[in-house]
C-alpha cells in the first residue's frame, strides 16, 4: 500500500499558486457539512465533510484537476484513518490534445461498457475519425474503502479497452474487453458487444452480450426494446441473463453460482399534462424455480406513488411507495418519502410489516448556500422504533 496524499497536495499547491489569473484557471465546486444522529446499541453523532471541485484552464491543454474527498468524525467512538478519510475522485484530465486525445491520470470512476468502478491508473481515448474512437485503460482497483491508499500491482491489476462506433445509421456499437488479475490468478476476462439503434421507426432497441472467457460462458445477455405504439402510449419488452461477478479469490467461490433469466413486459401511458401511468411485469427464472413481480406507479414532475407485488421463489410481498416533493416557495422545498411493505421470505413464515418514512426540508438562501434537514423513522421485525436526523449545509461556487 502507498499513500498518495502528499503527492496530490503538492500538485494542488503548485496549480493553485502558479499565476492563476494569467493562465485563466476556472475553479468550481461544492462543499457540504453534514450531521447524522442515530442509535443502534449506542447513540452516535457523526459529522461528514464532503468537498468536490474541479480546476481547469483552457490555456493549459484544457487541463482539469478533479477531486472528491470525504472526512468522517464520530463523536462517540474513534475511527481509523481508512474510515475517516476517503478520496472518491482525484485525477488530472487533459481534453482534446492535438484535437484527438483525452487522457485521465489518477483515481477515477469508469464504466467502459461493463461494470468496472473505481480505478487508480490511466485512461486514454483517441478519436480516430469522426464516428470512431478507441479507449484504453490500465491500473489497479481503487481501495475498497476509497481510502488514500493504492493497491500494489501484484495484488490487483486491471486493463482493458473499448472501440466506439457512434451515430452510424442511427446506431451505436461498442466492442469491449476487460481483464482483472493479480500475480497468482485471473479474476475476470470479459469480452463483449453493446449495440443500440433507432433505425426502426418509433423504436429504440438495446442489446448487450458479454462473454466470460475465463469460464467459457456468457456472463451477461441483455435485450430491451421500447416502442411508441400510440400518441401517448409506450410499450417495452426486455430479457436479461446475468452471472454475479465473483472474484477468483473471493469467499463466495465456495457457493455454486447459477445465473438467472429475467423477462419484462411493461408500458407507460401519458395522461393529461405531465401525469404518467407506468406498469411492468417481471418473470424471473432461477435454476428450477420462478418468481413474479408487478410494479404499478402514477407519477408527475413532483414525484410518484406506486404499488409492488412479488410472489414465488423470491418471497411474497405487497408494498406501497410514495416519493413526492412540493415547492412551498421559490427557495423552500418540502419532500416526503413513505415505504410500506408486508412480506415473508417463505410460506412457512408469518407475514411481517415494515414501514419507513423520511421528511425533508431544503432551503436555498443567498446565491451559494443551501440547507437540508431530514428526519427518518423506521419500524420492522428487528426494530420497534428507529429514528435518525440528518442535517446538511452546502456551499457551491
Protein backbone atom coordinates (compact mmCIF):
# COMPACT_ATOMS: atom_id res chain seq x y z
CA UNK A 1 0.00 0.00 0.00
CA UNK A 2 1.18 3.51 -0.77
CA UNK A 3 -0.23 6.81 0.34
CA UNK A 4 -0.87 9.43 -2.32
CA UNK A 5 -1.83 12.35 -0.09
CA UNK A 6 1.49 14.23 -0.21
CA UNK A 7 1.77 13.96 -3.98
CA UNK A 8 -1.67 15.40 -4.68
CA UNK A 9 -1.38 18.12 -2.04
CA UNK A 10 1.78 19.23 -3.81
CA UNK A 11 0.05 19.15 -7.21
CA UNK A 12 -2.83 21.21 -5.84
CA UNK A 13 -0.45 23.72 -4.25
CA UNK A 14 1.53 24.20 -7.45
CA UNK A 15 -1.53 24.61 -9.66
CA UNK A 16 -3.25 26.98 -7.26
CA UNK A 17 -0.23 29.25 -6.78
CA UNK A 18 1.04 29.49 -10.35
CA UNK A 19 -0.31 32.81 -11.63
CA UNK A 20 -3.93 31.65 -11.83
CA UNK A 21 -5.11 34.94 -13.29
CA UNK A 22 -2.55 34.89 -16.07
CA UNK A 23 -3.49 31.42 -17.30
CA UNK A 24 -7.23 31.79 -16.70
CA UNK A 25 -7.90 28.98 -14.23
CA UNK A 26 -11.57 28.34 -13.52
CA UNK A 27 -12.46 26.92 -10.10
CA UNK A 28 -15.86 25.34 -9.41
CA UNK A 29 -17.05 23.01 -6.69
CA UNK A 30 -19.29 22.21 -3.76
CA UNK A 31 -18.59 21.75 -0.04
CA UNK A 32 -21.04 20.07 2.33
CA UNK A 33 -21.08 19.70 6.10
CA UNK A 34 -23.49 17.06 7.45
CA UNK A 35 -24.57 15.90 10.91
CA UNK A 36 -26.08 12.44 11.29
CA UNK A 37 -27.58 11.23 14.58
CA UNK A 38 -28.77 7.66 15.10
CA UNK A 39 -28.95 4.90 17.67
CA UNK A 40 -28.15 1.17 17.49
CA UNK A 41 -26.62 -0.42 20.60
CA UNK A 42 -25.35 3.05 21.49
CA UNK A 43 -26.09 6.60 20.40
CA UNK A 44 -23.95 8.01 17.60
CA UNK A 45 -23.49 11.52 16.28
CA UNK A 46 -21.42 11.69 13.13
CA UNK A 47 -20.13 14.67 11.18
CA UNK A 48 -19.26 14.41 7.49
CA UNK A 49 -17.41 16.90 5.33
CA UNK A 50 -17.59 16.37 1.58
CA UNK A 51 -15.68 18.51 -0.93
CA UNK A 52 -15.97 18.18 -4.71
CA UNK A 53 -14.22 20.58 -7.07
CA UNK A 54 -12.67 20.97 -10.48
CA UNK A 55 -9.96 23.40 -11.58
CA UNK A 56 -9.41 23.80 -15.29
CA UNK A 57 -7.55 26.04 -17.69
CA UNK A 58 -8.27 26.12 -21.44
CA UNK A 59 -4.82 27.67 -21.90
CA UNK A 60 -3.09 24.61 -20.38
CA UNK A 61 -4.09 21.87 -22.85
CA UNK A 62 -7.61 22.00 -21.37
CA UNK A 63 -6.16 20.54 -18.18
CA UNK A 64 -8.57 19.87 -15.30
CA UNK A 65 -7.91 18.77 -11.74
CA UNK A 66 -10.93 16.78 -10.45
CA UNK A 67 -11.30 15.88 -6.78
CA UNK A 68 -13.91 14.48 -4.42
CA UNK A 69 -12.99 13.99 -0.73
CA UNK A 70 -14.89 12.98 2.38
CA UNK A 71 -13.94 13.10 6.07
CA UNK A 72 -15.89 11.48 8.90
CA UNK A 73 -15.87 12.15 12.64
CA UNK A 74 -17.82 10.06 15.16
CA UNK A 75 -18.22 11.92 18.45
CA UNK A 76 -18.88 8.65 20.31
CA UNK A 77 -16.07 6.40 19.06
CA UNK A 78 -12.64 6.60 17.48
CA UNK A 79 -12.21 5.65 13.82
CA UNK A 80 -9.11 4.55 11.96
CA UNK A 81 -7.80 6.61 9.05
CA UNK A 82 -9.32 4.31 6.40
CA UNK A 83 -12.78 5.04 7.81
CA UNK A 84 -12.21 8.75 8.45
CA UNK A 85 -10.67 9.89 5.16
CA UNK A 86 -11.81 8.92 1.68
CA UNK A 87 -10.99 10.00 -1.86
CA UNK A 88 -13.66 9.09 -4.39
CA UNK A 89 -12.01 11.00 -7.22
CA UNK A 90 -8.55 12.54 -7.62
CA UNK A 91 -7.21 12.91 -11.13
CA UNK A 92 -5.73 15.15 -13.80
CA UNK A 93 -7.71 15.27 -17.05
CA UNK A 94 -6.45 16.57 -20.38
CA UNK A 95 -9.01 17.07 -23.16
CA UNK A 96 -8.58 17.42 -26.91
CA UNK A 97 -4.82 17.06 -27.00
CA UNK A 98 -3.85 17.57 -30.66
CA UNK A 99 -7.61 17.76 -31.17
CA UNK A 100 -7.83 13.95 -30.90
CA UNK A 101 -6.81 12.65 -27.48
CA UNK A 102 -8.32 12.71 -23.98
CA UNK A 103 -6.23 11.48 -21.05
CA UNK A 104 -7.14 11.00 -17.35
CA UNK A 105 -4.45 10.15 -14.75
CA UNK A 106 -5.30 9.22 -11.17
CA UNK A 107 -8.33 7.95 -9.26
CA UNK A 108 -11.45 7.88 -11.42
CA UNK A 109 -14.75 6.09 -11.90
CA UNK A 110 -15.11 4.10 -15.11
CA UNK A 111 -17.92 2.17 -16.76
CA UNK A 112 -16.27 1.09 -20.03
CA UNK A 113 -19.29 -0.67 -21.46
CA UNK A 114 -19.40 -3.06 -18.49
CA UNK A 115 -19.14 -2.80 -14.71
CA UNK A 116 -15.71 -1.65 -13.51
CA UNK A 117 -15.97 1.04 -10.81
CA UNK A 118 -13.05 2.85 -9.19
CA UNK A 119 -9.65 2.72 -10.92
CA UNK A 120 -6.29 4.17 -9.86
CA UNK A 121 -4.47 4.44 -13.14
CA UNK A 122 -4.59 5.80 -16.67
CA UNK A 123 -7.48 6.21 -19.11
CA UNK A 124 -6.91 7.43 -22.68
CA UNK A 125 -9.31 7.99 -25.59
CA UNK A 126 -8.32 8.64 -29.20
CA UNK A 127 -10.78 9.91 -31.83
CA UNK A 128 -9.61 8.12 -34.95
CA UNK A 129 -12.21 9.54 -37.31
CA UNK A 130 -15.47 11.43 -36.78
CA UNK A 131 -17.54 8.42 -35.71
CA UNK A 132 -14.82 6.08 -34.44
CA UNK A 133 -12.83 6.21 -31.19
CA UNK A 134 -10.59 3.88 -29.20
CA UNK A 135 -10.29 3.90 -25.40
CA UNK A 136 -7.63 2.12 -23.33
CA UNK A 137 -7.19 1.97 -19.56
CA UNK A 138 -4.90 0.27 -17.05
CA UNK A 139 -4.21 0.43 -13.34
CA UNK A 140 -5.33 -1.08 -10.05
CA UNK A 141 -8.72 -1.11 -8.42
CA UNK A 142 -9.37 1.79 -6.07
CA UNK A 143 -9.12 0.85 -2.41
CA UNK A 144 -12.23 -0.94 -1.11
CA UNK A 145 -12.92 1.85 1.42
CA UNK A 146 -11.76 4.55 -1.06
CA UNK A 147 -9.05 5.50 1.43
CA UNK A 148 -5.85 7.34 0.46
CA UNK A 149 -4.11 4.08 -0.33
CA UNK A 150 -3.24 2.31 -3.56
CA UNK A 151 -3.15 -1.43 -4.02
CA UNK A 152 0.03 -2.99 -5.37
CA UNK A 153 0.05 -4.24 -8.96
CA UNK A 154 0.78 -7.74 -7.66
CA UNK A 155 -2.49 -7.66 -5.70
CA UNK A 156 -4.78 -6.19 -8.34
CA UNK A 157 -4.16 -5.22 -11.96
CA UNK A 158 -6.92 -4.11 -14.33
CA UNK A 159 -6.68 -3.34 -18.04
CA UNK A 160 -8.99 -3.16 -21.00
CA UNK A 161 -10.25 -1.22 -23.96
CA UNK A 162 -13.34 -0.10 -25.83
CA UNK A 163 -13.91 0.58 -29.53
CA UNK A 164 -16.79 3.03 -30.05
CA UNK A 165 -18.61 3.44 -33.34
CA UNK A 166 -21.30 6.12 -32.96
CA UNK A 167 -24.09 7.68 -35.00
CA UNK A 168 -23.95 5.32 -37.96
CA UNK A 169 -27.44 4.78 -39.40
CA UNK A 170 -28.96 5.98 -36.10
CA UNK A 171 -26.98 3.28 -34.26
CA UNK A 172 -24.10 2.98 -31.78
CA UNK A 173 -21.76 -0.01 -31.42
CA UNK A 174 -19.22 -0.82 -28.70
CA UNK A 175 -16.65 -3.61 -28.66
CA UNK A 176 -15.10 -4.11 -25.22
CA UNK A 177 -12.54 -6.17 -23.35
CA UNK A 178 -11.84 -6.20 -19.60
CA UNK A 179 -9.32 -8.21 -17.59
CA UNK A 180 -8.69 -8.21 -13.84
CA UNK A 181 -5.88 -10.25 -12.34
CA UNK A 182 -3.14 -10.47 -9.74
CA UNK A 183 0.19 -12.24 -9.67
CA UNK A 184 -1.50 -15.59 -8.97
CA UNK A 185 -4.70 -15.75 -10.99
CA UNK A 186 -7.07 -14.04 -13.44
CA UNK A 187 -10.29 -12.82 -11.82
CA UNK A 188 -12.31 -11.56 -14.80
CA UNK A 189 -11.73 -11.84 -18.54
CA UNK A 190 -14.75 -10.43 -20.31
CA UNK A 191 -15.25 -9.56 -23.98
CA UNK A 192 -18.48 -8.14 -25.26
CA UNK A 193 -20.64 -6.15 -27.65
CA UNK A 194 -23.03 -3.30 -26.79
CA UNK A 195 -25.41 -2.16 -29.51
CA UNK A 196 -28.32 0.27 -29.61
CA UNK A 197 -30.30 1.62 -32.54
CA UNK A 198 -33.24 3.79 -33.55
CA UNK A 199 -33.23 2.51 -37.11
CA UNK A 200 -36.74 1.07 -36.77
CA UNK A 201 -39.29 3.96 -36.72
CA UNK A 202 -40.63 4.89 -33.27
CA UNK A 203 -38.49 2.15 -31.69
CA UNK A 204 -35.35 2.11 -29.54
CA UNK A 205 -33.51 -1.21 -29.24
CA UNK A 206 -30.61 -2.08 -26.94
CA UNK A 207 -28.57 -5.30 -26.95
CA UNK A 208 -25.61 -6.35 -24.76
CA UNK A 209 -23.76 -9.65 -24.93
CA UNK A 210 -20.71 -10.17 -22.68
CA UNK A 211 -18.76 -13.42 -22.72
CA UNK A 212 -16.64 -14.70 -19.81
CA UNK A 213 -13.50 -16.09 -21.43
CA UNK A 214 -12.18 -17.27 -18.07
CA UNK A 215 -15.12 -19.68 -17.52
CA UNK A 216 -16.18 -20.19 -21.19
CA UNK A 217 -19.76 -18.97 -20.71
CA UNK A 218 -21.95 -15.95 -21.37
CA UNK A 219 -21.55 -13.52 -18.50
CA UNK A 220 -24.39 -11.15 -19.45
CA UNK A 221 -27.14 -11.11 -22.06
CA UNK A 222 -29.41 -8.07 -22.11
CA UNK A 223 -32.10 -7.04 -24.57
CA UNK A 224 -34.54 -4.13 -24.28
CA UNK A 225 -36.91 -2.64 -26.83
CA UNK A 226 -39.15 0.43 -26.38
CA UNK A 227 -41.82 1.25 -28.97
CA UNK A 228 -44.01 4.35 -29.34
CA UNK A 229 -47.25 2.48 -30.03
CA UNK A 230 -49.81 5.30 -29.83
CA UNK A 231 -49.69 9.05 -29.32
CA UNK A 232 -49.37 8.80 -25.52
CA UNK A 233 -48.53 5.11 -25.12
CA UNK A 234 -45.10 3.44 -24.95
CA UNK A 235 -44.57 -0.30 -24.56
CA UNK A 236 -41.33 -2.11 -23.74
CA UNK A 237 -40.08 -5.66 -23.53
CA UNK A 238 -36.83 -6.96 -22.10
CA UNK A 239 -34.75 -10.04 -21.39
CA UNK A 240 -31.77 -10.28 -19.04
CA UNK A 241 -29.43 -13.13 -18.16
CA UNK A 242 -26.72 -12.36 -15.60
CA UNK A 243 -23.96 -14.12 -13.66
CA UNK A 244 -22.76 -12.45 -10.44
CA UNK A 245 -19.24 -11.02 -10.81
CA UNK A 246 -17.33 -13.00 -8.19
CA UNK A 247 -13.53 -12.82 -7.99
CA UNK A 248 -11.46 -15.98 -8.28
CA UNK A 249 -10.09 -15.43 -4.75
CA UNK A 250 -13.41 -14.39 -3.19
CA UNK A 251 -15.02 -16.17 -0.24
CA UNK A 252 -18.19 -16.57 -2.32
CA UNK A 253 -16.50 -19.03 -4.67
CA UNK A 254 -17.44 -21.75 -2.14
CA UNK A 255 -21.05 -21.39 -3.34
CA UNK A 256 -22.40 -22.87 -6.53
CA UNK A 257 -23.40 -19.85 -8.60
CA UNK A 258 -26.25 -20.06 -11.08
CA UNK A 259 -27.41 -17.30 -13.42
CA UNK A 260 -30.99 -16.09 -13.63
CA UNK A 261 -33.23 -15.11 -16.51
CA UNK A 262 -35.47 -12.08 -16.21
CA UNK A 263 -38.29 -11.38 -18.68
CA UNK A 264 -40.03 -7.98 -18.63
CA UNK A 265 -43.16 -6.56 -20.23
CA UNK A 266 -44.29 -3.03 -19.47
CA UNK A 267 -45.92 0.13 -20.65
CA UNK A 268 -46.17 3.85 -19.94
CA UNK A 269 -49.21 6.00 -20.71
CA UNK A 270 -49.24 9.78 -20.57
CA UNK A 271 -52.38 11.21 -19.06
CA UNK A 272 -53.38 14.85 -19.25
CA UNK A 273 -50.48 17.23 -18.69
CA UNK A 274 -47.36 15.69 -17.15
CA UNK A 275 -49.06 12.76 -15.43
CA UNK A 276 -47.94 9.25 -16.34
CA UNK A 277 -49.17 5.74 -15.53
CA UNK A 278 -46.46 3.06 -15.62
CA UNK A 279 -46.77 -0.68 -15.17
CA UNK A 280 -44.38 -3.59 -15.55
CA UNK A 281 -44.49 -7.36 -15.12
CA UNK A 282 -41.33 -9.41 -14.49
CA UNK A 283 -40.87 -13.16 -14.58
CA UNK A 284 -37.60 -14.33 -13.03
CA UNK A 285 -36.40 -17.83 -13.84
CA UNK A 286 -33.89 -19.41 -11.47
CA UNK A 287 -32.41 -22.88 -11.86
CA UNK A 288 -35.62 -24.78 -11.02
CA UNK A 289 -37.86 -22.07 -9.52
CA UNK A 290 -39.62 -18.92 -10.70
CA UNK A 291 -40.65 -15.61 -9.16
CA UNK A 292 -43.13 -12.93 -10.23
CA UNK A 293 -43.00 -9.16 -9.81
CA UNK A 294 -45.55 -6.49 -10.68
CA UNK A 295 -44.88 -2.74 -10.47
CA UNK A 296 -47.53 -0.02 -10.90
CA UNK A 297 -46.86 3.72 -10.49
CA UNK A 298 -48.55 7.05 -11.12
CA UNK A 299 -46.16 9.97 -11.46
CA UNK A 300 -45.76 13.61 -12.43
CA UNK A 301 -42.90 16.10 -12.29
CA UNK A 302 -43.12 16.29 -8.47
CA UNK A 303 -42.89 12.57 -7.70
CA UNK A 304 -44.71 9.27 -7.80
CA UNK A 305 -46.81 6.77 -5.86
CA UNK A 306 -46.51 3.07 -6.62
CA UNK A 307 -47.50 -0.49 -5.75
CA UNK A 308 -45.18 -3.50 -5.69
CA UNK A 309 -46.28 -7.15 -5.69
CA UNK A 310 -43.92 -10.15 -5.51
CA UNK A 311 -44.62 -13.87 -5.29
CA UNK A 312 -42.84 -17.15 -5.83
CA UNK A 313 -39.25 -18.13 -5.14
CA UNK A 314 -38.18 -14.59 -4.18
CA UNK A 315 -40.79 -14.46 -1.41
CA UNK A 316 -44.19 -12.80 -1.05
CA UNK A 317 -44.52 -9.03 -0.76
CA UNK A 318 -47.10 -6.29 -1.14
CA UNK A 319 -45.70 -2.79 -0.89
CA UNK A 320 -46.61 0.87 -1.32
CA UNK A 321 -44.02 3.53 -2.14
CA UNK A 322 -44.60 7.30 -2.13
CA UNK A 323 -41.95 9.83 -3.13
CA UNK A 324 -43.19 13.40 -3.53
CA UNK A 325 -41.80 16.93 -3.38
CA UNK A 326 -43.59 20.28 -3.18
CA UNK A 327 -42.15 23.74 -3.86
CA UNK A 328 -43.54 25.84 -0.99
CA UNK A 329 -41.71 29.00 -2.05
CA UNK A 330 -39.07 29.75 -4.65
CA UNK A 331 -36.32 28.78 -2.20
CA UNK A 332 -38.10 26.26 0.06
CA UNK A 333 -38.77 22.65 -1.00
CA UNK A 334 -40.53 20.02 1.13
CA UNK A 335 -40.38 16.33 0.28
CA UNK A 336 -41.92 13.16 1.72
CA UNK A 337 -40.98 9.52 1.24
CA UNK A 338 -43.05 6.61 2.55
CA UNK A 339 -42.24 2.92 2.06
CA UNK A 340 -44.59 0.26 3.45
CA UNK A 341 -44.25 -3.44 2.79
CA UNK A 342 -45.92 -6.61 4.05
CA UNK A 343 -43.66 -9.55 3.26
CA UNK A 344 -42.46 -13.06 4.04
CA UNK A 345 -39.46 -14.95 2.68
CA UNK A 346 -41.09 -18.40 2.77
CA UNK A 347 -44.64 -19.72 3.05
CA UNK A 348 -43.92 -21.38 6.39
CA UNK A 349 -43.33 -17.93 7.94
CA UNK A 350 -45.88 -15.37 9.04
CA UNK A 351 -46.14 -12.05 7.18
CA UNK A 352 -44.02 -9.22 8.55
CA UNK A 353 -44.68 -5.47 8.31
CA UNK A 354 -42.13 -2.77 7.65
CA UNK A 355 -42.64 0.99 7.46
CA UNK A 356 -40.00 3.59 6.60
CA UNK A 357 -40.60 7.35 6.35
CA UNK A 358 -38.46 10.34 5.55
CA UNK A 359 -39.40 14.03 5.66
CA UNK A 360 -37.06 16.68 4.29
CA UNK A 361 -36.97 20.46 4.09
CA UNK A 362 -34.49 22.10 1.70
CA UNK A 363 -33.89 25.84 1.73
CA UNK A 364 -31.62 27.86 -0.56
CA UNK A 365 -30.55 31.29 0.59
CA UNK A 366 -28.20 33.85 -0.84
CA UNK A 367 -26.53 32.68 -4.04
CA UNK A 368 -24.25 29.89 -2.94
CA UNK A 369 -25.72 28.46 0.28
CA UNK A 370 -28.39 25.82 0.91
CA UNK A 371 -29.53 23.80 3.93
CA UNK A 372 -31.28 20.41 4.21
CA UNK A 373 -32.96 18.98 7.30
CA UNK A 374 -34.24 15.41 7.17
CA UNK A 375 -35.98 13.15 9.69
CA UNK A 376 -36.14 9.37 9.15
CA UNK A 377 -38.20 6.80 11.02
CA UNK A 378 -38.28 3.01 10.62
CA UNK A 379 -40.06 0.08 12.23
CA UNK A 380 -39.71 -3.62 11.36
CA UNK A 381 -39.31 -7.05 13.00
CA UNK A 382 -35.90 -6.12 14.34
CA UNK A 383 -36.57 -2.52 15.43
CA UNK A 384 -39.75 -1.36 17.15
CA UNK A 385 -38.68 2.22 16.50
CA UNK A 386 -35.56 3.58 14.79
CA UNK A 387 -35.27 7.33 14.22
CA UNK A 388 -32.47 9.34 12.64
CA UNK A 389 -31.84 13.02 11.94
CA UNK A 390 -29.65 14.39 9.13
CA UNK A 391 -28.59 17.97 8.57
CA UNK A 392 -26.67 19.20 5.51
CA UNK A 393 -25.15 22.62 4.84
CA UNK A 394 -23.95 23.12 1.25
CA UNK A 395 -21.79 25.80 -0.29
CA UNK A 396 -21.40 25.90 -4.10
CA UNK A 397 -19.12 28.11 -6.13
